[in-house]
Amino acid sequence: MILSLDMDSEVPIYQQIRDRIVEAIASGQLVEGSSLPSTRQLAVDLGINFHTVNKAYDLLRREGLLRVNRKSGALVQRDTRSGPPEPGFTAEWETRLRTLLAEAVAHGTGDPAVLDSCRSVLSSFTSLAPSSRHANPSADQGDSAS
């Protein structure tokens, strides 16, 4: 897995690391049980402080995507085949989604463009990842708190 980071971005480096790892899981590049470099090794590879990598890994651990162990290092804990999300995930995700959609609307992006962008980004993951759809896709729609 190759992480591409923008050191000049306003997005904090730890957040970029977290985001790239989530994208790698979503696209199937990382699957459950995949090991990640140690915090120190990734920091050396990227030329950054290991505390920055540690912060990204800890965030992923709290989100339930990584398992971090002093002996075995960091392992992917969930992937697209892990089944339905943990309780509470959908509500938290919808809160973040609401903010992203609000940003698009505030900048004057119309509904069709927003929906097209959502479909395009989602298909970029689902076309690469192993089957991640539940047997009953309509059950996911009912999980919404709208």
N, C-alpha and C. Protein backbone atom coordinates (compact mmCIF):
# COMPACT_ATOMS: atom_id res chain seq x y z
N MET A 1 0.85 -1.18 0.00
CA MET A 1 0.00 0.00 0.00
C MET A 1 0.89 1.24 0.00
N ILE A 2 0.63 2.11 -0.93
CA ILE A 2 1.38 3.35 -1.04
C ILE A 2 0.46 4.49 -0.62
N LEU A 3 0.92 5.27 0.35
CA LEU A 3 0.14 6.41 0.81
C LEU A 3 0.64 7.67 0.10
N SER A 4 -0.29 8.38 -0.50
CA SER A 4 0.09 9.67 -1.09
C SER A 4 -0.47 10.76 -0.20
N LEU A 5 0.44 11.58 0.30
CA LEU A 5 0.06 12.67 1.20
C LEU A 5 0.47 13.99 0.58
N ASP A 6 -0.28 15.02 0.92
CA ASP A 6 0.04 16.38 0.47
C ASP A 6 0.52 17.15 1.69
N MET A 7 1.82 17.29 1.80
CA MET A 7 2.41 17.94 2.97
C MET A 7 2.07 19.43 3.04
N ASP A 8 1.58 20.01 1.94
CA ASP A 8 1.21 21.43 1.92
C ASP A 8 -0.29 21.64 2.12
N SER A 9 -1.03 20.56 2.29
CA SER A 9 -2.48 20.65 2.44
C SER A 9 -2.86 21.24 3.79
N GLU A 10 -4.03 21.82 3.84
CA GLU A 10 -4.57 22.30 5.11
C GLU A 10 -5.12 21.14 5.94
N VAL A 11 -5.31 19.98 5.31
CA VAL A 11 -5.77 18.79 6.03
C VAL A 11 -4.59 18.23 6.81
N PRO A 12 -4.75 18.04 8.13
CA PRO A 12 -3.64 17.52 8.93
C PRO A 12 -3.12 16.19 8.39
N ILE A 13 -1.83 15.96 8.53
CA ILE A 13 -1.20 14.76 8.00
C ILE A 13 -1.82 13.50 8.61
N TYR A 14 -2.09 13.50 9.91
CA TYR A 14 -2.68 12.31 10.53
C TYR A 14 -4.03 12.00 9.89
N GLN A 15 -4.80 13.04 9.54
CA GLN A 15 -6.10 12.84 8.92
C GLN A 15 -5.94 12.28 7.50
N GLN A 16 -4.93 12.77 6.79
CA GLN A 16 -4.66 12.24 5.45
C GLN A 16 -4.28 10.76 5.51
N ILE A 17 -3.45 10.39 6.49
CA ILE A 17 -3.07 8.97 6.66
C ILE A 17 -4.31 8.15 6.93
N ARG A 18 -5.14 8.61 7.86
CA ARG A 18 -6.37 7.91 8.20
C ARG A 18 -7.25 7.76 6.96
N ASP A 19 -7.42 8.83 6.22
CA ASP A 19 -8.29 8.81 5.05
C ASP A 19 -7.78 7.85 3.98
N ARG A 20 -6.45 7.85 3.71
CA ARG A 20 -5.91 6.95 2.70
C ARG A 20 -6.07 5.49 3.11
N ILE A 21 -5.93 5.19 4.40
CA ILE A 21 -6.10 3.81 4.86
C ILE A 21 -7.56 3.39 4.73
N VAL A 22 -8.49 4.27 5.07
CA VAL A 22 -9.91 3.96 4.91
C VAL A 22 -10.22 3.71 3.44
N GLU A 23 -9.68 4.55 2.55
CA GLU A 23 -9.90 4.36 1.12
C GLU A 23 -9.31 3.03 0.64
N ALA A 24 -8.15 2.64 1.17
CA ALA A 24 -7.54 1.36 0.79
C ALA A 24 -8.40 0.19 1.25
N ILE A 25 -9.02 0.32 2.41
CA ILE A 25 -9.93 -0.73 2.89
C ILE A 25 -11.17 -0.77 2.00
N ALA A 26 -11.73 0.40 1.70
CA ALA A 26 -12.95 0.47 0.89
C ALA A 26 -12.73 -0.08 -0.51
N SER A 27 -11.54 0.11 -1.06
CA SER A 27 -11.26 -0.35 -2.43
C SER A 27 -10.79 -1.80 -2.48
N GLY A 28 -10.59 -2.42 -1.32
CA GLY A 28 -10.16 -3.80 -1.28
C GLY A 28 -8.65 -3.99 -1.31
N GLN A 29 -7.89 -2.89 -1.33
CA GLN A 29 -6.42 -3.00 -1.29
C GLN A 29 -5.96 -3.55 0.05
N LEU A 30 -6.69 -3.22 1.11
CA LEU A 30 -6.42 -3.76 2.44
C LEU A 30 -7.66 -4.55 2.86
N VAL A 31 -7.44 -5.77 3.31
CA VAL A 31 -8.55 -6.61 3.76
C VAL A 31 -8.34 -6.96 5.23
N GLU A 32 -9.38 -7.49 5.84
CA GLU A 32 -9.29 -7.90 7.24
C GLU A 32 -8.08 -8.80 7.43
N GLY A 33 -7.28 -8.47 8.44
CA GLY A 33 -6.07 -9.24 8.74
C GLY A 33 -4.81 -8.68 8.11
N SER A 34 -4.94 -7.75 7.16
CA SER A 34 -3.76 -7.14 6.55
C SER A 34 -2.97 -6.39 7.61
N SER A 35 -1.65 -6.52 7.55
CA SER A 35 -0.83 -5.79 8.50
C SER A 35 -0.38 -4.48 7.88
N LEU A 36 -0.22 -3.50 8.73
CA LEU A 36 0.26 -2.18 8.33
C LEU A 36 1.65 -1.99 8.92
N PRO A 37 2.43 -1.11 8.34
CA PRO A 37 3.75 -0.84 8.91
C PRO A 37 3.62 -0.33 10.35
N SER A 38 4.64 -0.56 11.15
CA SER A 38 4.64 -0.01 12.50
C SER A 38 4.58 1.51 12.40
N THR A 39 4.17 2.14 13.48
CA THR A 39 4.10 3.60 13.47
C THR A 39 5.47 4.20 13.18
N ARG A 40 6.50 3.63 13.77
CA ARG A 40 7.85 4.15 13.56
C ARG A 40 8.30 3.95 12.11
N GLN A 41 8.01 2.76 11.54
CA GLN A 41 8.44 2.50 10.17
C GLN A 41 7.71 3.41 9.18
N LEU A 42 6.40 3.57 9.35
CA LEU A 42 5.65 4.43 8.44
C LEU A 42 6.12 5.88 8.58
N ALA A 43 6.41 6.30 9.81
CA ALA A 43 6.91 7.66 10.02
C ALA A 43 8.23 7.86 9.29
N VAL A 44 9.13 6.88 9.38
CA VAL A 44 10.41 6.97 8.68
C VAL A 44 10.17 7.01 7.17
N ASP A 45 9.31 6.12 6.67
CA ASP A 45 9.02 6.07 5.23
C ASP A 45 8.47 7.39 4.71
N LEU A 46 7.63 8.06 5.53
CA LEU A 46 7.00 9.31 5.12
C LEU A 46 7.80 10.54 5.51
N GLY A 47 8.82 10.35 6.35
CA GLY A 47 9.63 11.47 6.81
C GLY A 47 8.89 12.39 7.76
N ILE A 48 8.07 11.78 8.64
CA ILE A 48 7.28 12.56 9.60
C ILE A 48 7.49 12.01 11.01
N ASN A 49 6.97 12.70 12.00
CA ASN A 49 7.06 12.28 13.38
C ASN A 49 6.18 11.05 13.62
N PHE A 50 6.68 10.07 14.38
CA PHE A 50 5.91 8.86 14.59
C PHE A 50 4.63 9.12 15.39
N HIS A 51 4.58 10.20 16.17
CA HIS A 51 3.36 10.52 16.91
C HIS A 51 2.21 10.85 15.95
N THR A 52 2.55 11.39 14.78
CA THR A 52 1.54 11.71 13.77
C THR A 52 0.90 10.42 13.26
N VAL A 53 1.72 9.42 12.97
CA VAL A 53 1.21 8.12 12.52
C VAL A 53 0.43 7.47 13.64
N ASN A 54 0.95 7.56 14.86
CA ASN A 54 0.27 6.98 16.01
C ASN A 54 -1.13 7.57 16.16
N LYS A 55 -1.26 8.87 15.95
CA LYS A 55 -2.56 9.53 16.07
C LYS A 55 -3.53 8.99 15.01
N ALA A 56 -3.05 8.79 13.79
CA ALA A 56 -3.89 8.25 12.72
C ALA A 56 -4.31 6.82 13.05
N TYR A 57 -3.38 5.99 13.49
CA TYR A 57 -3.70 4.61 13.83
C TYR A 57 -4.68 4.56 14.99
N ASP A 58 -4.48 5.43 15.98
CA ASP A 58 -5.38 5.43 17.13
C ASP A 58 -6.80 5.83 16.70
N LEU A 59 -6.91 6.78 15.81
CA LEU A 59 -8.22 7.18 15.29
C LEU A 59 -8.89 6.00 14.59
N LEU A 60 -8.15 5.29 13.76
CA LEU A 60 -8.68 4.12 13.06
C LEU A 60 -9.06 3.01 14.05
N ARG A 61 -8.29 2.88 15.12
CA ARG A 61 -8.61 1.89 16.14
C ARG A 61 -9.93 2.24 16.82
N ARG A 62 -10.09 3.51 17.17
CA ARG A 62 -11.33 3.94 17.83
C ARG A 62 -12.54 3.80 16.89
N GLU A 63 -12.30 3.90 15.60
CA GLU A 63 -13.37 3.75 14.61
C GLU A 63 -13.65 2.28 14.31
N GLY A 64 -12.89 1.37 14.90
CA GLY A 64 -13.12 -0.05 14.72
C GLY A 64 -12.52 -0.64 13.45
N LEU A 65 -11.65 0.10 12.77
CA LEU A 65 -11.07 -0.40 11.53
C LEU A 65 -9.72 -1.07 11.73
N LEU A 66 -9.00 -0.70 12.78
CA LEU A 66 -7.70 -1.30 13.06
C LEU A 66 -7.68 -1.92 14.44
N ARG A 67 -6.84 -2.94 14.57
CA ARG A 67 -6.52 -3.53 15.87
C ARG A 67 -5.03 -3.30 16.05
N VAL A 68 -4.67 -2.65 17.14
CA VAL A 68 -3.27 -2.32 17.37
C VAL A 68 -2.78 -3.13 18.56
N ASN A 69 -1.66 -3.85 18.36
CA ASN A 69 -1.09 -4.69 19.39
C ASN A 69 0.41 -4.44 19.41
N ARG A 70 0.96 -4.32 20.60
CA ARG A 70 2.40 -4.03 20.71
C ARG A 70 3.25 -5.09 20.02
N LYS A 71 2.82 -6.37 20.09
CA LYS A 71 3.61 -7.44 19.50
C LYS A 71 3.38 -7.58 18.00
N SER A 72 2.11 -7.61 17.60
CA SER A 72 1.81 -7.88 16.19
C SER A 72 1.66 -6.62 15.34
N GLY A 73 1.69 -5.46 15.95
CA GLY A 73 1.54 -4.22 15.20
C GLY A 73 0.09 -3.92 14.88
N ALA A 74 -0.13 -3.20 13.81
CA ALA A 74 -1.48 -2.79 13.41
C ALA A 74 -2.01 -3.73 12.33
N LEU A 75 -3.22 -4.21 12.56
CA LEU A 75 -3.89 -5.09 11.61
C LEU A 75 -5.26 -4.51 11.26
N VAL A 76 -5.66 -4.67 10.02
CA VAL A 76 -7.00 -4.25 9.61
C VAL A 76 -8.00 -5.16 10.31
N GLN A 77 -8.97 -4.56 11.00
CA GLN A 77 -9.95 -5.32 11.77
C GLN A 77 -11.24 -5.55 11.00
N ARG A 78 -11.61 -4.63 10.11
CA ARG A 78 -12.83 -4.75 9.31
C ARG A 78 -12.51 -4.46 7.87
N ASP A 79 -13.28 -5.06 6.97
CA ASP A 79 -13.20 -4.69 5.57
C ASP A 79 -14.61 -4.75 4.98
N THR A 80 -14.68 -4.65 3.66
CA THR A 80 -15.99 -4.57 3.02
C THR A 80 -16.81 -5.85 3.18
N ARG A 81 -16.15 -6.95 3.57
CA ARG A 81 -16.86 -8.22 3.75
C ARG A 81 -17.19 -8.51 5.21
N SER A 82 -16.96 -7.57 6.10
CA SER A 82 -17.13 -7.82 7.53
C SER A 82 -18.58 -7.79 7.99
N GLY A 83 -19.50 -7.55 7.10
CA GLY A 83 -20.91 -7.52 7.47
C GLY A 83 -21.37 -6.13 7.85
N PRO A 84 -22.56 -6.06 8.40
CA PRO A 84 -23.13 -4.74 8.75
C PRO A 84 -22.23 -3.97 9.70
N PRO A 85 -22.31 -2.64 9.65
CA PRO A 85 -21.49 -1.83 10.55
C PRO A 85 -21.87 -2.03 12.02
N GLU A 86 -20.94 -1.66 12.87
CA GLU A 86 -21.18 -1.73 14.31
C GLU A 86 -22.31 -0.78 14.69
N PRO A 87 -23.03 -1.07 15.79
CA PRO A 87 -24.09 -0.15 16.23
C PRO A 87 -23.54 1.25 16.46
N GLY A 88 -24.28 2.23 16.02
CA GLY A 88 -23.88 3.61 16.20
C GLY A 88 -23.11 4.19 15.02
N PHE A 89 -22.54 3.31 14.17
CA PHE A 89 -21.75 3.82 13.05
C PHE A 89 -22.59 4.68 12.12
N THR A 90 -23.76 4.18 11.74
CA THR A 90 -24.58 4.88 10.75
C THR A 90 -24.94 6.28 11.20
N ALA A 91 -25.32 6.44 12.44
CA ALA A 91 -25.69 7.77 12.95
C ALA A 91 -24.49 8.72 12.91
N GLU A 92 -23.32 8.23 13.33
CA GLU A 92 -22.11 9.07 13.31
C GLU A 92 -21.73 9.42 11.87
N TRP A 93 -21.82 8.45 10.98
CA TRP A 93 -21.47 8.68 9.58
C TRP A 93 -22.42 9.69 8.95
N GLU A 94 -23.72 9.57 9.24
CA GLU A 94 -24.69 10.50 8.68
C GLU A 94 -24.45 11.93 9.18
N THR A 95 -23.95 12.08 10.38
CA THR A 95 -23.63 13.41 10.90
C THR A 95 -22.50 14.03 10.07
N ARG A 96 -21.45 13.24 9.79
CA ARG A 96 -20.35 13.74 8.96
C ARG A 96 -20.82 14.00 7.53
N LEU A 97 -21.65 13.11 7.02
CA LEU A 97 -22.18 13.27 5.66
C LEU A 97 -23.01 14.54 5.55
N ARG A 98 -23.79 14.80 6.57
CA ARG A 98 -24.63 16.01 6.57
C ARG A 98 -23.76 17.27 6.41
N THR A 99 -22.65 17.31 7.10
CA THR A 99 -21.75 18.46 7.01
C THR A 99 -21.14 18.57 5.61
N LEU A 100 -20.71 17.45 5.04
CA LEU A 100 -20.15 17.48 3.68
C LEU A 100 -21.19 17.94 2.66
N LEU A 101 -22.41 17.44 2.80
CA LEU A 101 -23.47 17.86 1.88
C LEU A 101 -23.81 19.34 2.07
N ALA A 102 -23.79 19.79 3.31
CA ALA A 102 -24.06 21.21 3.59
C ALA A 102 -23.00 22.09 2.92
N GLU A 103 -21.75 21.65 2.94
CA GLU A 103 -20.68 22.41 2.28
C GLU A 103 -20.97 22.52 0.78
N ALA A 104 -21.37 21.42 0.16
CA ALA A 104 -21.66 21.43 -1.28
C ALA A 104 -22.81 22.37 -1.58
N VAL A 105 -23.88 22.31 -0.79
CA VAL A 105 -25.04 23.17 -1.00
C VAL A 105 -24.67 24.63 -0.75
N ALA A 106 -23.89 24.89 0.29
CA ALA A 106 -23.49 26.26 0.61
C ALA A 106 -22.67 26.89 -0.52
N HIS A 107 -21.97 26.05 -1.28
CA HIS A 107 -21.17 26.54 -2.41
C HIS A 107 -21.97 26.56 -3.71
N GLY A 108 -23.27 26.26 -3.60
CA GLY A 108 -24.14 26.36 -4.77
C GLY A 108 -24.19 25.13 -5.65
N THR A 109 -23.70 24.00 -5.16
CA THR A 109 -23.75 22.77 -5.95
C THR A 109 -25.18 22.22 -5.88
N GLY A 110 -25.78 22.00 -7.01
CA GLY A 110 -27.15 21.52 -7.07
C GLY A 110 -27.28 20.04 -6.76
N ASP A 111 -28.51 19.63 -6.44
CA ASP A 111 -28.79 18.24 -6.10
C ASP A 111 -28.26 17.25 -7.14
N PRO A 112 -28.53 17.47 -8.45
CA PRO A 112 -28.05 16.49 -9.42
C PRO A 112 -26.53 16.32 -9.39
N ALA A 113 -25.80 17.42 -9.28
CA ALA A 113 -24.34 17.34 -9.25
C ALA A 113 -23.85 16.63 -7.99
N VAL A 114 -24.50 16.90 -6.85
CA VAL A 114 -24.12 16.25 -5.60
C VAL A 114 -24.36 14.75 -5.71
N LEU A 115 -25.53 14.37 -6.20
CA LEU A 115 -25.86 12.95 -6.33
C LEU A 115 -24.95 12.25 -7.34
N ASP A 116 -24.64 12.91 -8.45
CA ASP A 116 -23.72 12.34 -9.43
C ASP A 116 -22.34 12.12 -8.82
N SER A 117 -21.88 13.10 -8.05
CA SER A 117 -20.57 12.96 -7.38
C SER A 117 -20.58 11.80 -6.40
N CYS A 118 -21.66 11.70 -5.63
CA CYS A 118 -21.77 10.60 -4.66
C CYS A 118 -21.73 9.25 -5.37
N ARG A 119 -22.49 9.12 -6.45
CA ARG A 119 -22.51 7.86 -7.21
C ARG A 119 -21.13 7.55 -7.78
N SER A 120 -20.47 8.55 -8.32
CA SER A 120 -19.16 8.35 -8.93
C SER A 120 -18.12 7.90 -7.90
N VAL A 121 -18.09 8.58 -6.77
CA VAL A 121 -17.12 8.21 -5.74
C VAL A 121 -17.43 6.82 -5.19
N LEU A 122 -18.68 6.54 -4.90
CA LEU A 122 -19.06 5.23 -4.38
C LEU A 122 -18.71 4.13 -5.37
N SER A 123 -18.98 4.35 -6.64
CA SER A 123 -18.67 3.31 -7.63
C SER A 123 -17.16 3.11 -7.77
N SER A 124 -16.37 4.13 -7.49
CA SER A 124 -14.92 3.95 -7.56
C SER A 124 -14.43 2.96 -6.51
N PHE A 125 -15.15 2.84 -5.42
CA PHE A 125 -14.79 1.86 -4.39
C PHE A 125 -15.43 0.52 -4.66
N THR A 126 -16.72 0.52 -4.95
CA THR A 126 -17.44 -0.74 -5.09
C THR A 126 -17.02 -1.51 -6.33
N SER A 127 -16.49 -0.82 -7.35
CA SER A 127 -16.04 -1.53 -8.54
C SER A 127 -14.72 -2.27 -8.29
N LEU A 128 -13.94 -1.81 -7.31
CA LEU A 128 -12.66 -2.42 -7.00
C LEU A 128 -12.73 -3.44 -5.87
N ALA A 129 -13.62 -3.18 -4.92
CA ALA A 129 -13.67 -4.00 -3.70
C ALA A 129 -14.43 -5.29 -3.95
N PRO A 130 -14.08 -6.34 -3.18
CA PRO A 130 -14.88 -7.56 -3.22
C PRO A 130 -16.31 -7.22 -2.80
N SER A 131 -17.22 -8.08 -3.12
CA SER A 131 -18.63 -7.82 -2.83
C SER A 131 -18.84 -7.36 -1.40
N SER A 132 -19.46 -6.17 -1.28
CA SER A 132 -19.68 -5.61 0.04
C SER A 132 -21.15 -5.36 0.30
N ARG A 133 -21.98 -5.77 -0.60
CA ARG A 133 -23.41 -5.54 -0.45
C ARG A 133 -24.01 -6.61 0.44
N HIS A 134 -24.93 -6.18 1.28
CA HIS A 134 -25.67 -7.12 2.13
C HIS A 134 -26.70 -7.82 1.28
N ALA A 135 -27.19 -8.95 1.74
CA ALA A 135 -28.19 -9.71 1.00
C ALA A 135 -29.45 -8.90 0.76
N ASN A 136 -29.77 -7.98 1.67
CA ASN A 136 -30.98 -7.18 1.54
C ASN A 136 -30.59 -5.70 1.55
N PRO A 137 -30.28 -5.11 0.37
CA PRO A 137 -29.84 -3.72 0.34
C PRO A 137 -30.86 -2.75 0.89
N SER A 138 -32.14 -3.07 0.82
CA SER A 138 -33.15 -2.15 1.34
C SER A 138 -33.08 -2.05 2.86
N ALA A 139 -32.47 -3.03 3.51
CA ALA A 139 -32.32 -2.97 4.96
C ALA A 139 -31.41 -1.82 5.35
N ASP A 140 -30.39 -1.53 4.50
CA ASP A 140 -29.50 -0.41 4.78
C ASP A 140 -30.25 0.91 4.72
N GLN A 141 -31.20 1.02 3.77
CA GLN A 141 -31.94 2.25 3.63
C GLN A 141 -32.81 2.51 4.86
N GLY A 142 -33.29 1.47 5.46
CA GLY A 142 -34.13 1.63 6.65
C GLY A 142 -33.34 2.01 7.88
N ASP A 143 -32.00 1.90 7.78
CA ASP A 143 -31.14 2.22 8.92
C ASP A 143 -30.95 3.72 9.09
N SER A 144 -31.46 4.49 8.13
CA SER A 144 -31.28 5.94 8.15
C SER A 144 -32.12 6.59 9.24
N ALA A 145 -31.57 7.65 9.82
CA ALA A 145 -32.28 8.36 10.90
C ALA A 145 -32.86 9.65 10.38
N SER A 146 -33.45 9.65 9.16
CA SER A 146 -33.97 10.90 8.61
C SER A 146 -35.34 11.22 9.06
